[in-house]
Amino acid sequence: METGIDKDTFKQIFRDHWDSFTAKNPSHYGTGYHDEMVQKMLGCGDPEKMGYAQYRCTSCG
């Protein structure tokens, strides 16, 4: 049996609270680095945000 928070719930927590969290902790999380990492995490699994690879047969397309 799996326990814990699923990835969608975890992402929603960040969506809902990241801005207020960084506002309260600007000396530690007020850099673009952390924002970039959070955005990458939130975009994980979304091909429009993270890109994707497409493979095609060179013989038949």
Protein backbone atom coordinates (compact mmCIF):
# COMPACT_ATOMS: atom_id res chain seq x y z
CA MET A 1 0.00 0.00 0.00
CA GLU A 2 1.38 3.38 -1.02
CA THR A 3 1.36 6.20 1.50
CA GLY A 4 2.14 9.89 1.37
CA ILE A 5 1.20 12.79 -0.84
CA ASP A 6 0.74 12.17 -4.55
CA LYS A 7 2.59 14.41 -7.02
CA ASP A 8 -0.53 16.39 -8.01
CA THR A 9 -1.27 17.30 -4.39
CA PHE A 10 2.36 18.26 -3.86
CA LYS A 11 2.31 20.49 -6.95
CA GLN A 12 -0.93 22.12 -5.83
CA ILE A 13 0.62 23.03 -2.49
CA PHE A 14 3.39 24.85 -4.35
CA ARG A 15 0.94 26.54 -6.74
CA ASP A 16 -1.15 27.78 -3.83
CA HIS A 17 1.61 28.84 -1.45
CA TRP A 18 4.96 29.44 -3.20
CA ASP A 19 4.48 33.21 -3.61
CA SER A 20 3.46 33.80 0.00
CA PHE A 21 6.22 31.48 1.23
CA THR A 22 8.92 33.38 -0.69
CA ALA A 23 7.48 36.72 0.47
CA LYS A 24 7.93 35.59 4.09
CA ASN A 25 11.41 34.15 3.44
CA PRO A 26 13.04 36.56 0.96
CA SER A 27 16.58 36.18 2.27
CA HIS A 28 16.59 32.45 1.53
CA TYR A 29 14.19 32.06 -1.39
CA GLY A 30 14.12 35.50 -3.00
CA THR A 31 16.36 34.52 -5.89
CA GLY A 32 15.38 33.52 -9.39
CA TYR A 33 17.09 30.17 -8.89
CA HIS A 34 14.42 28.79 -6.56
CA ASP A 35 11.61 30.19 -8.70
CA GLU A 36 13.10 28.46 -11.74
CA MET A 37 13.37 25.13 -9.92
CA VAL A 38 9.78 25.35 -8.67
CA GLN A 39 8.53 26.19 -12.17
CA LYS A 40 10.40 23.18 -13.58
CA MET A 41 8.86 20.95 -10.92
CA LEU A 42 5.38 22.31 -11.66
CA GLY A 43 5.89 21.78 -15.39
CA CYS A 44 7.10 18.21 -14.98
CA GLY A 45 5.03 15.89 -17.14
CA ASP A 46 3.62 18.73 -19.27
CA PRO A 47 5.15 18.49 -22.77
CA GLU A 48 4.18 22.09 -23.56
CA LYS A 49 6.26 23.38 -20.65
CA MET A 50 9.15 20.95 -20.57
CA GLY A 51 9.41 19.78 -24.14
CA TYR A 52 9.36 16.28 -25.47
CA ALA A 53 11.08 14.02 -27.94
CA GLN A 54 9.35 12.79 -31.06
CA TYR A 55 10.62 9.76 -32.94
CA ARG A 56 9.70 9.00 -36.50
CA CYS A 57 10.66 6.16 -38.79
CA THR A 58 12.96 7.47 -41.54
CA SER A 59 11.56 4.89 -43.97
CA CYS A 60 7.81 5.39 -43.66
CA GLY A 61 7.51 8.63 -41.69
